[in-house]
Protein backbone atom coordinates (compact mmCIF):
# COMPACT_ATOMS: atom_id res chain seq x y z
CA UNK A 1 0.00 0.00 0.00
CA UNK A 2 2.81 2.46 0.84
CA UNK A 3 3.95 2.35 -2.80
CA UNK A 4 0.71 4.21 -3.65
CA UNK A 5 1.50 7.03 -1.20
CA UNK A 6 2.49 10.34 -2.74
CA UNK A 7 5.70 11.95 -1.50
CA UNK A 8 3.61 14.25 0.73
CA UNK A 9 1.70 11.32 2.18
CA UNK A 10 4.95 9.47 2.91
CA UNK A 11 6.29 12.64 4.52
CA UNK A 12 3.14 12.77 6.67
CA UNK A 13 3.83 9.26 7.99
CA UNK A 14 7.48 10.16 8.67
CA UNK A 15 6.34 13.31 10.52
CA UNK A 16 3.87 11.20 12.50
CA UNK A 17 6.69 8.87 13.56
CA UNK A 18 8.81 11.88 14.57
CA UNK A 19 5.94 13.35 16.58
CA UNK A 20 5.42 10.02 18.35
CA UNK A 21 9.13 9.91 19.25
CA UNK A 22 9.08 13.52 20.50
CA UNK A 23 6.16 12.64 22.75
CA UNK A 24 8.05 9.56 23.96
CA UNK A 25 5.45 7.16 22.59
CA UNK A 26 6.37 3.56 21.81
CA UNK A 27 3.80 3.40 19.02
CA UNK A 28 2.43 5.61 16.26
CA UNK A 29 -1.29 6.22 16.69
CA UNK A 30 -3.95 8.10 14.77
CA UNK A 31 -3.23 11.13 16.94
CA UNK A 32 0.35 11.14 15.64
CA UNK A 33 -0.92 10.82 12.06
CA UNK A 34 -3.03 13.91 12.75
CA UNK A 35 0.07 15.74 13.99
CA UNK A 36 1.91 14.61 10.84
CA UNK A 37 -0.88 16.04 8.68
CA UNK A 38 -0.75 19.32 10.61
CA UNK A 39 3.02 19.44 10.19
CA UNK A 40 2.89 19.15 6.41
CA UNK A 41 3.71 22.63 5.12
CA UNK A 42 0.97 24.09 2.92
CA UNK A 43 -1.20 21.01 3.25
CA UNK A 44 -4.94 21.09 2.64
CA UNK A 45 -5.66 19.40 5.96
CA UNK A 46 -3.52 21.85 7.95
CA UNK A 47 -5.26 24.75 6.20
CA UNK A 48 -8.77 23.43 6.89
CA UNK A 49 -7.96 22.73 10.54
CA UNK A 50 -6.24 26.11 10.99
CA UNK A 51 -9.40 27.81 9.73
CA UNK A 52 -11.20 26.02 12.58
CA UNK A 53 -8.59 27.15 15.11
CA UNK A 54 -6.40 24.04 15.40
CA UNK A 55 -2.72 24.27 14.55
CA UNK A 56 0.21 21.94 15.17
CA UNK A 57 1.16 23.56 18.49
CA UNK A 58 -2.34 23.27 19.94
CA UNK A 59 -2.73 19.70 18.69
CA UNK A 60 0.65 18.71 20.17
CA UNK A 61 -0.43 20.12 23.51
CA UNK A 62 -3.69 18.16 23.36
CA UNK A 63 -1.93 14.92 22.39
CA UNK A 64 0.84 15.39 24.95
CA UNK A 65 -1.55 16.10 27.79
CA UNK A 66 -1.45 13.01 30.02
CA UNK A 67 -4.76 13.75 31.77
CA UNK A 68 -7.92 15.60 31.08
CA UNK A 69 -9.01 18.09 33.77
CA UNK A 70 -11.74 15.65 34.82
CA UNK A 71 -9.24 12.80 35.23
CA UNK A 72 -6.94 15.03 37.29
CA UNK A 73 -9.85 15.86 39.62
CA UNK A 74 -10.63 12.17 40.07
CA UNK A 75 -6.95 11.43 40.78
CA UNK A 76 -6.86 14.13 43.46
CA UNK A 77 -10.05 12.82 45.06
CA UNK A 78 -8.77 9.24 45.06
CA UNK A 79 -5.47 10.26 46.67
CA UNK A 80 -7.30 12.39 49.24
CA UNK A 81 -9.29 9.36 50.39
CA UNK A 82 -6.02 7.71 51.49
CA UNK A 83 -4.64 10.85 53.13
CA UNK A 84 -2.45 12.25 50.33
CA UNK A 85 -2.83 15.93 49.48
CA UNK A 86 -2.00 16.14 45.76
CA UNK A 87 -1.53 19.92 45.88
CA UNK A 88 1.03 19.55 48.68
CA UNK A 89 2.91 16.89 46.70
CA UNK A 90 2.94 19.08 43.58
CA UNK A 91 4.19 22.05 45.59
CA UNK A 92 7.02 20.00 47.13
CA UNK A 93 8.06 18.50 43.75
CA UNK A 94 8.07 21.93 42.11
CA UNK A 95 10.11 23.35 44.99
CA UNK A 96 12.73 20.65 44.50
CA UNK A 97 12.65 20.16 40.70
CA UNK A 98 11.28 23.45 39.37
CA UNK A 99 7.96 24.77 38.12
CA UNK A 100 6.09 22.44 35.79
CA UNK A 101 8.19 19.41 36.73
CA UNK A 102 5.12 17.17 36.83
CA UNK A 103 3.64 18.38 33.54
CA UNK A 104 3.93 15.64 30.93
CA UNK A 105 3.61 18.05 28.00
CA UNK A 106 6.06 20.56 29.46
CA UNK A 107 8.48 17.78 30.32
CA UNK A 108 8.34 16.43 26.78
CA UNK A 109 8.84 19.96 25.41
CA UNK A 110 11.87 20.45 27.66
CA UNK A 111 13.35 17.13 26.53
CA UNK A 112 12.78 18.13 22.88
CA UNK A 113 14.59 21.43 23.46
CA UNK A 114 17.45 19.55 25.05
CA UNK A 115 17.65 17.20 22.08
CA UNK A 116 16.51 14.06 23.91
CA UNK A 117 14.73 11.54 21.71
CA UNK A 118 13.38 8.07 21.82
CA UNK A 119 15.69 5.79 19.87
CA UNK A 120 15.22 5.91 16.08
CA UNK A 121 13.73 3.25 13.89
CA UNK A 122 10.19 2.36 13.03
CA UNK A 123 7.57 2.73 15.73
CA UNK A 124 4.79 0.19 15.23
CA UNK A 125 1.35 1.47 14.32
CA UNK A 126 -1.51 1.09 16.76
CA UNK A 127 -4.64 -0.72 15.62
CA UNK A 128 -6.45 2.58 15.04
CA UNK A 129 -3.55 3.95 12.95
CA UNK A 130 -3.51 0.78 10.86
CA UNK A 131 -7.24 1.22 10.31
CA UNK A 132 -6.67 4.82 9.20
CA UNK A 133 -4.04 3.67 6.70
CA UNK A 134 -6.38 0.98 5.37
CA UNK A 135 -9.25 3.45 5.08
CA UNK A 136 -7.00 5.94 3.27
CA UNK A 137 -6.57 3.36 0.51
CA UNK A 138 -10.34 2.90 0.36
CA UNK A 139 -10.82 6.67 0.19
CA UNK A 140 -8.36 6.93 -2.70
CA UNK A 141 -10.07 4.06 -4.54
CA UNK A 142 -13.49 5.65 -3.99
CA UNK A 143 -12.12 8.86 -5.50
CA UNK A 144 -10.73 6.83 -8.43
CA UNK A 145 -7.23 7.96 -7.57
CA UNK A 146 -4.23 5.77 -8.31
CA UNK A 147 -2.32 7.39 -5.46
CA UNK A 148 -2.98 8.02 -1.79
CA UNK A 149 -2.67 11.66 -0.86
CA UNK A 150 -2.58 13.23 2.62
CA UNK A 151 -6.21 14.22 2.14
CA UNK A 152 -7.14 10.55 1.69
CA UNK A 153 -5.26 9.77 4.89
CA UNK A 154 -7.27 12.45 6.69
CA UNK A 155 -10.55 11.18 5.25
CA UNK A 156 -9.65 7.72 6.55
CA UNK A 157 -8.89 9.26 9.93
CA UNK A 158 -12.32 10.92 9.99
CA UNK A 159 -13.99 7.55 9.41
CA UNK A 160 -12.45 6.10 12.61
CA UNK A 161 -14.77 8.01 14.91
CA UNK A 162 -13.58 6.41 18.16
CA UNK A 163 -9.85 6.86 17.47
CA UNK A 164 -7.82 9.25 19.63
CA UNK A 165 -7.44 11.63 16.67
CA UNK A 166 -11.19 11.79 16.01
CA UNK A 167 -11.87 12.26 19.71
CA UNK A 168 -9.31 15.09 19.80
CA UNK A 169 -10.91 16.78 16.79
CA UNK A 170 -14.38 16.62 18.34
CA UNK A 171 -12.98 17.91 21.65
CA UNK A 172 -11.58 20.89 19.73
CA UNK A 173 -15.09 21.66 18.47
CA UNK A 174 -14.92 20.14 15.00
CA UNK A 175 -17.76 18.28 13.34
CA UNK A 176 -16.24 15.28 11.53
CA UNK A 177 -18.85 15.35 8.75
CA UNK A 178 -18.17 19.05 8.10
CA UNK A 179 -14.42 18.39 7.96
CA UNK A 180 -15.02 15.55 5.53
CA UNK A 181 -17.10 17.79 3.26
CA UNK A 182 -14.45 20.53 3.33
CA UNK A 183 -11.62 18.16 2.41
CA UNK A 184 -13.68 16.47 -0.32
CA UNK A 185 -14.45 19.92 -1.76
CA UNK A 186 -10.75 20.79 -1.70
CA UNK A 187 -9.94 17.55 -3.55
CA UNK A 188 -12.55 18.20 -6.26
C-alpha atoms as a PDB file:
ATOM      1  CA  UNK A   1       0.000   0.000   0.000  1.00  0.00           C
ATOM      2  CA  UNK A   2       2.812   2.456   0.836  1.00  0.00           C
ATOM      3  CA  UNK A   3       3.946   2.345  -2.799  1.00  0.00           C
ATOM      4  CA  UNK A   4       0.707   4.208  -3.649  1.00  0.00           C
ATOM      5  CA  UNK A   5       1.496   7.028  -1.205  1.00  0.00           C
ATOM      6  CA  UNK A   6       2.492  10.335  -2.745  1.00  0.00           C
ATOM      7  CA  UNK A   7       5.697  11.948  -1.503  1.00  0.00           C
ATOM      8  CA  UNK A   8       3.614  14.250   0.726  1.00  0.00           C
ATOM      9  CA  UNK A   9       1.697  11.315   2.184  1.00  0.00           C
ATOM     10  CA  UNK A  10       4.954   9.466   2.913  1.00  0.00           C
ATOM     11  CA  UNK A  11       6.289  12.643   4.516  1.00  0.00           C
ATOM     12  CA  UNK A  12       3.143  12.774   6.667  1.00  0.00           C
ATOM     13  CA  UNK A  13       3.834   9.265   7.988  1.00  0.00           C
ATOM     14  CA  UNK A  14       7.480  10.164   8.666  1.00  0.00           C
ATOM     15  CA  UNK A  15       6.342  13.305  10.519  1.00  0.00           C
ATOM     16  CA  UNK A  16       3.867  11.198  12.505  1.00  0.00           C
ATOM     17  CA  UNK A  17       6.687   8.873  13.565  1.00  0.00           C
ATOM     18  CA  UNK A  18       8.814  11.876  14.573  1.00  0.00           C
ATOM     19  CA  UNK A  19       5.936  13.347  16.580  1.00  0.00           C
ATOM     20  CA  UNK A  20       5.417  10.016  18.351  1.00  0.00           C
ATOM     21  CA  UNK A  21       9.127   9.910  19.249  1.00  0.00           C
ATOM     22  CA  UNK A  22       9.084  13.519  20.501  1.00  0.00           C
ATOM     23  CA  UNK A  23       6.155  12.638  22.752  1.00  0.00           C
ATOM     24  CA  UNK A  24       8.046   9.557  23.955  1.00  0.00           C
ATOM     25  CA  UNK A  25       5.452   7.159  22.587  1.00  0.00           C
ATOM     26  CA  UNK A  26       6.372   3.565  21.812  1.00  0.00           C
ATOM     27  CA  UNK A  27       3.796   3.400  19.017  1.00  0.00           C
ATOM     28  CA  UNK A  28       2.426   5.606  16.261  1.00  0.00           C
ATOM     29  CA  UNK A  29      -1.294   6.218  16.687  1.00  0.00           C
ATOM     30  CA  UNK A  30      -3.946   8.097  14.772  1.00  0.00           C
ATOM     31  CA  UNK A  31      -3.228  11.135  16.945  1.00  0.00           C
ATOM     32  CA  UNK A  32       0.354  11.141  15.638  1.00  0.00           C
ATOM     33  CA  UNK A  33      -0.920  10.816  12.056  1.00  0.00           C
ATOM     34  CA  UNK A  34      -3.029  13.910  12.748  1.00  0.00           C
ATOM     35  CA  UNK A  35       0.072  15.739  13.993  1.00  0.00           C
ATOM     36  CA  UNK A  36       1.907  14.614  10.840  1.00  0.00           C
ATOM     37  CA  UNK A  37      -0.876  16.043   8.685  1.00  0.00           C
ATOM     38  CA  UNK A  38      -0.747  19.324  10.609  1.00  0.00           C
ATOM     39  CA  UNK A  39       3.023  19.440  10.193  1.00  0.00           C
ATOM     40  CA  UNK A  40       2.888  19.148   6.411  1.00  0.00           C
ATOM     41  CA  UNK A  41       3.714  22.631   5.115  1.00  0.00           C
ATOM     42  CA  UNK A  42       0.974  24.090   2.919  1.00  0.00           C
ATOM     43  CA  UNK A  43      -1.202  21.015   3.246  1.00  0.00           C
ATOM     44  CA  UNK A  44      -4.939  21.095   2.642  1.00  0.00           C
ATOM     45  CA  UNK A  45      -5.663  19.404   5.961  1.00  0.00           C
ATOM     46  CA  UNK A  46      -3.524  21.848   7.949  1.00  0.00           C
ATOM     47  CA  UNK A  47      -5.255  24.752   6.199  1.00  0.00           C
ATOM     48  CA  UNK A  48      -8.771  23.426   6.889  1.00  0.00           C
ATOM     49  CA  UNK A  49      -7.960  22.729  10.540  1.00  0.00           C
ATOM     50  CA  UNK A  50      -6.238  26.111  10.988  1.00  0.00           C
ATOM     51  CA  UNK A  51      -9.401  27.813   9.734  1.00  0.00           C
ATOM     52  CA  UNK A  52     -11.198  26.019  12.579  1.00  0.00           C
ATOM     53  CA  UNK A  53      -8.592  27.149  15.110  1.00  0.00           C
ATOM     54  CA  UNK A  54      -6.402  24.044  15.396  1.00  0.00           C
ATOM     55  CA  UNK A  55      -2.722  24.266  14.554  1.00  0.00           C
ATOM     56  CA  UNK A  56       0.215  21.941  15.171  1.00  0.00           C
ATOM     57  CA  UNK A  57       1.164  23.560  18.486  1.00  0.00           C
ATOM     58  CA  UNK A  58      -2.337  23.265  19.944  1.00  0.00           C
ATOM     59  CA  UNK A  59      -2.734  19.705  18.690  1.00  0.00           C
ATOM     60  CA  UNK A  60       0.649  18.712  20.171  1.00  0.00           C
ATOM     61  CA  UNK A  61      -0.430  20.121  23.514  1.00  0.00           C
ATOM     62  CA  UNK A  62      -3.691  18.163  23.364  1.00  0.00           C
ATOM     63  CA  UNK A  63      -1.933  14.923  22.388  1.00  0.00           C
ATOM     64  CA  UNK A  64       0.844  15.394  24.947  1.00  0.00           C
ATOM     65  CA  UNK A  65      -1.555  16.095  27.792  1.00  0.00           C
ATOM     66  CA  UNK A  66      -1.454  13.011  30.020  1.00  0.00           C
ATOM     67  CA  UNK A  67      -4.761  13.752  31.773  1.00  0.00           C
ATOM     68  CA  UNK A  68      -7.923  15.604  31.084  1.00  0.00           C
ATOM     69  CA  UNK A  69      -9.013  18.086  33.775  1.00  0.00           C
ATOM     70  CA  UNK A  70     -11.741  15.646  34.816  1.00  0.00           C
ATOM     71  CA  UNK A  71      -9.236  12.802  35.227  1.00  0.00           C
ATOM     72  CA  UNK A  72      -6.944  15.029  37.292  1.00  0.00           C
ATOM     73  CA  UNK A  73      -9.853  15.860  39.621  1.00  0.00           C
ATOM     74  CA  UNK A  74     -10.631  12.171  40.069  1.00  0.00           C
ATOM     75  CA  UNK A  75      -6.954  11.430  40.777  1.00  0.00           C
ATOM     76  CA  UNK A  76      -6.855  14.134  43.464  1.00  0.00           C
ATOM     77  CA  UNK A  77     -10.051  12.821  45.057  1.00  0.00           C
ATOM     78  CA  UNK A  78      -8.768   9.241  45.061  1.00  0.00           C
ATOM     79  CA  UNK A  79      -5.470  10.257  46.675  1.00  0.00           C
ATOM     80  CA  UNK A  80      -7.296  12.393  49.235  1.00  0.00           C
ATOM     81  CA  UNK A  81      -9.285   9.356  50.395  1.00  0.00           C
ATOM     82  CA  UNK A  82      -6.018   7.712  51.486  1.00  0.00           C
ATOM     83  CA  UNK A  83      -4.645  10.853  53.128  1.00  0.00           C
ATOM     84  CA  UNK A  84      -2.450  12.250  50.333  1.00  0.00           C
ATOM     85  CA  UNK A  85      -2.825  15.928  49.477  1.00  0.00           C
ATOM     86  CA  UNK A  86      -1.997  16.140  45.756  1.00  0.00           C
ATOM     87  CA  UNK A  87      -1.525  19.923  45.876  1.00  0.00           C
ATOM     88  CA  UNK A  88       1.034  19.550  48.676  1.00  0.00           C
ATOM     89  CA  UNK A  89       2.910  16.887  46.702  1.00  0.00           C
ATOM     90  CA  UNK A  90       2.944  19.085  43.576  1.00  0.00           C
ATOM     91  CA  UNK A  91       4.187  22.047  45.588  1.00  0.00           C
ATOM     92  CA  UNK A  92       7.021  19.999  47.127  1.00  0.00           C
ATOM     93  CA  UNK A  93       8.058  18.500  43.752  1.00  0.00           C
ATOM     94  CA  UNK A  94       8.073  21.927  42.107  1.00  0.00           C
ATOM     95  CA  UNK A  95      10.111  23.350  44.989  1.00  0.00           C
ATOM     96  CA  UNK A  96      12.734  20.646  44.503  1.00  0.00           C
ATOM     97  CA  UNK A  97      12.655  20.163  40.703  1.00  0.00           C
ATOM     98  CA  UNK A  98      11.284  23.446  39.365  1.00  0.00           C
ATOM     99  CA  UNK A  99       7.964  24.772  38.124  1.00  0.00           C
ATOM    100  CA  UNK A 100       6.087  22.439  35.790  1.00  0.00           C
ATOM    101  CA  UNK A 101       8.192  19.405  36.725  1.00  0.00           C
ATOM    102  CA  UNK A 102       5.122  17.165  36.826  1.00  0.00           C
ATOM    103  CA  UNK A 103       3.638  18.381  33.540  1.00  0.00           C
ATOM    104  CA  UNK A 104       3.925  15.642  30.926  1.00  0.00           C
ATOM    105  CA  UNK A 105       3.611  18.050  28.001  1.00  0.00           C
ATOM    106  CA  UNK A 106       6.057  20.565  29.457  1.00  0.00           C
ATOM    107  CA  UNK A 107       8.482  17.780  30.323  1.00  0.00           C
ATOM    108  CA  UNK A 108       8.342  16.431  26.780  1.00  0.00           C
ATOM    109  CA  UNK A 109       8.841  19.961  25.407  1.00  0.00           C
ATOM    110  CA  UNK A 110      11.874  20.447  27.663  1.00  0.00           C
ATOM    111  CA  UNK A 111      13.350  17.128  26.527  1.00  0.00           C
ATOM    112  CA  UNK A 112      12.783  18.135  22.883  1.00  0.00           C
ATOM    113  CA  UNK A 113      14.594  21.431  23.455  1.00  0.00           C
ATOM    114  CA  UNK A 114      17.454  19.551  25.054  1.00  0.00           C
ATOM    115  CA  UNK A 115      17.648  17.196  22.082  1.00  0.00           C
ATOM    116  CA  UNK A 116      16.515  14.064  23.914  1.00  0.00           C
ATOM    117  CA  UNK A 117      14.726  11.543  21.709  1.00  0.00           C
ATOM    118  CA  UNK A 118      13.377   8.069  21.817  1.00  0.00           C
ATOM    119  CA  UNK A 119      15.686   5.789  19.867  1.00  0.00           C
ATOM    120  CA  UNK A 120      15.218   5.912  16.084  1.00  0.00           C
ATOM    121  CA  UNK A 121      13.731   3.255  13.889  1.00  0.00           C
ATOM    122  CA  UNK A 122      10.191   2.364  13.030  1.00  0.00           C
ATOM    123  CA  UNK A 123       7.567   2.735  15.732  1.00  0.00           C
ATOM    124  CA  UNK A 124       4.790   0.191  15.229  1.00  0.00           C
ATOM    125  CA  UNK A 125       1.355   1.475  14.321  1.00  0.00           C
ATOM    126  CA  UNK A 126      -1.507   1.095  16.760  1.00  0.00           C
ATOM    127  CA  UNK A 127      -4.638  -0.723  15.618  1.00  0.00           C
ATOM    128  CA  UNK A 128      -6.446   2.582  15.042  1.00  0.00           C
ATOM    129  CA  UNK A 129      -3.551   3.954  12.954  1.00  0.00           C
ATOM    130  CA  UNK A 130      -3.508   0.776  10.860  1.00  0.00           C
ATOM    131  CA  UNK A 131      -7.238   1.221  10.308  1.00  0.00           C
ATOM    132  CA  UNK A 132      -6.671   4.823   9.198  1.00  0.00           C
ATOM    133  CA  UNK A 133      -4.038   3.665   6.704  1.00  0.00           C
ATOM    134  CA  UNK A 134      -6.376   0.979   5.367  1.00  0.00           C
ATOM    135  CA  UNK A 135      -9.250   3.451   5.081  1.00  0.00           C
ATOM    136  CA  UNK A 136      -7.003   5.938   3.269  1.00  0.00           C
ATOM    137  CA  UNK A 137      -6.570   3.362   0.506  1.00  0.00           C
ATOM    138  CA  UNK A 138     -10.341   2.896   0.356  1.00  0.00           C
ATOM    139  CA  UNK A 139     -10.820   6.673   0.186  1.00  0.00           C
ATOM    140  CA  UNK A 140      -8.361   6.926  -2.697  1.00  0.00           C
ATOM    141  CA  UNK A 141     -10.068   4.059  -4.542  1.00  0.00           C
ATOM    142  CA  UNK A 142     -13.492   5.645  -3.991  1.00  0.00           C
ATOM    143  CA  UNK A 143     -12.118   8.862  -5.501  1.00  0.00           C
ATOM    144  CA  UNK A 144     -10.731   6.826  -8.433  1.00  0.00           C
ATOM    145  CA  UNK A 145      -7.232   7.955  -7.566  1.00  0.00           C
ATOM    146  CA  UNK A 146      -4.229   5.774  -8.313  1.00  0.00           C
ATOM    147  CA  UNK A 147      -2.318   7.386  -5.462  1.00  0.00           C
ATOM    148  CA  UNK A 148      -2.980   8.020  -1.791  1.00  0.00           C
ATOM    149  CA  UNK A 149      -2.666  11.665  -0.859  1.00  0.00           C
ATOM    150  CA  UNK A 150      -2.576  13.234   2.624  1.00  0.00           C
ATOM    151  CA  UNK A 151      -6.215  14.224   2.138  1.00  0.00           C
ATOM    152  CA  UNK A 152      -7.141  10.549   1.688  1.00  0.00           C
ATOM    153  CA  UNK A 153      -5.263   9.772   4.894  1.00  0.00           C
ATOM    154  CA  UNK A 154      -7.271  12.449   6.692  1.00  0.00           C
ATOM    155  CA  UNK A 155     -10.553  11.184   5.246  1.00  0.00           C
ATOM    156  CA  UNK A 156      -9.645   7.725   6.547  1.00  0.00           C
ATOM    157  CA  UNK A 157      -8.893   9.256   9.933  1.00  0.00           C
ATOM    158  CA  UNK A 158     -12.317  10.919   9.987  1.00  0.00           C
ATOM    159  CA  UNK A 159     -13.987   7.552   9.411  1.00  0.00           C
ATOM    160  CA  UNK A 160     -12.453   6.104  12.607  1.00  0.00           C
ATOM    161  CA  UNK A 161     -14.773   8.007  14.907  1.00  0.00           C
ATOM    162  CA  UNK A 162     -13.575   6.412  18.159  1.00  0.00           C
ATOM    163  CA  UNK A 163      -9.855   6.863  17.466  1.00  0.00           C
ATOM    164  CA  UNK A 164      -7.821   9.252  19.631  1.00  0.00           C
ATOM    165  CA  UNK A 165      -7.444  11.628  16.672  1.00  0.00           C
ATOM    166  CA  UNK A 166     -11.191  11.790  16.005  1.00  0.00           C
ATOM    167  CA  UNK A 167     -11.874  12.260  19.713  1.00  0.00           C
ATOM    168  CA  UNK A 168      -9.314  15.085  19.803  1.00  0.00           C
ATOM    169  CA  UNK A 169     -10.914  16.782  16.789  1.00  0.00           C
ATOM    170  CA  UNK A 170     -14.378  16.621  18.341  1.00  0.00           C
ATOM    171  CA  UNK A 171     -12.984  17.910  21.653  1.00  0.00           C
ATOM    172  CA  UNK A 172     -11.579  20.890  19.731  1.00  0.00           C
ATOM    173  CA  UNK A 173     -15.090  21.660  18.469  1.00  0.00           C
ATOM    174  CA  UNK A 174     -14.919  20.140  14.997  1.00  0.00           C
ATOM    175  CA  UNK A 175     -17.762  18.277  13.343  1.00  0.00           C
ATOM    176  CA  UNK A 176     -16.237  15.282  11.530  1.00  0.00           C
ATOM    177  CA  UNK A 177     -18.845  15.349   8.753  1.00  0.00           C
ATOM    178  CA  UNK A 178     -18.171  19.049   8.097  1.00  0.00           C
ATOM    179  CA  UNK A 179     -14.417  18.394   7.958  1.00  0.00           C
ATOM    180  CA  UNK A 180     -15.019  15.547   5.530  1.00  0.00           C
ATOM    181  CA  UNK A 181     -17.104  17.786   3.264  1.00  0.00           C
ATOM    182  CA  UNK A 182     -14.449  20.530   3.325  1.00  0.00           C
ATOM    183  CA  UNK A 183     -11.624  18.161   2.415  1.00  0.00           C
ATOM    184  CA  UNK A 184     -13.676  16.474  -0.316  1.00  0.00           C
ATOM    185  CA  UNK A 185     -14.447  19.920  -1.757  1.00  0.00           C
ATOM    186  CA  UNK A 186     -10.745  20.788  -1.704  1.00  0.00           C
ATOM    187  CA  UNK A 187      -9.937  17.550  -3.546  1.00  0.00           C
ATOM    188  CA  UNK A 188     -12.549  18.195  -6.257  1.00  0.00           C
END
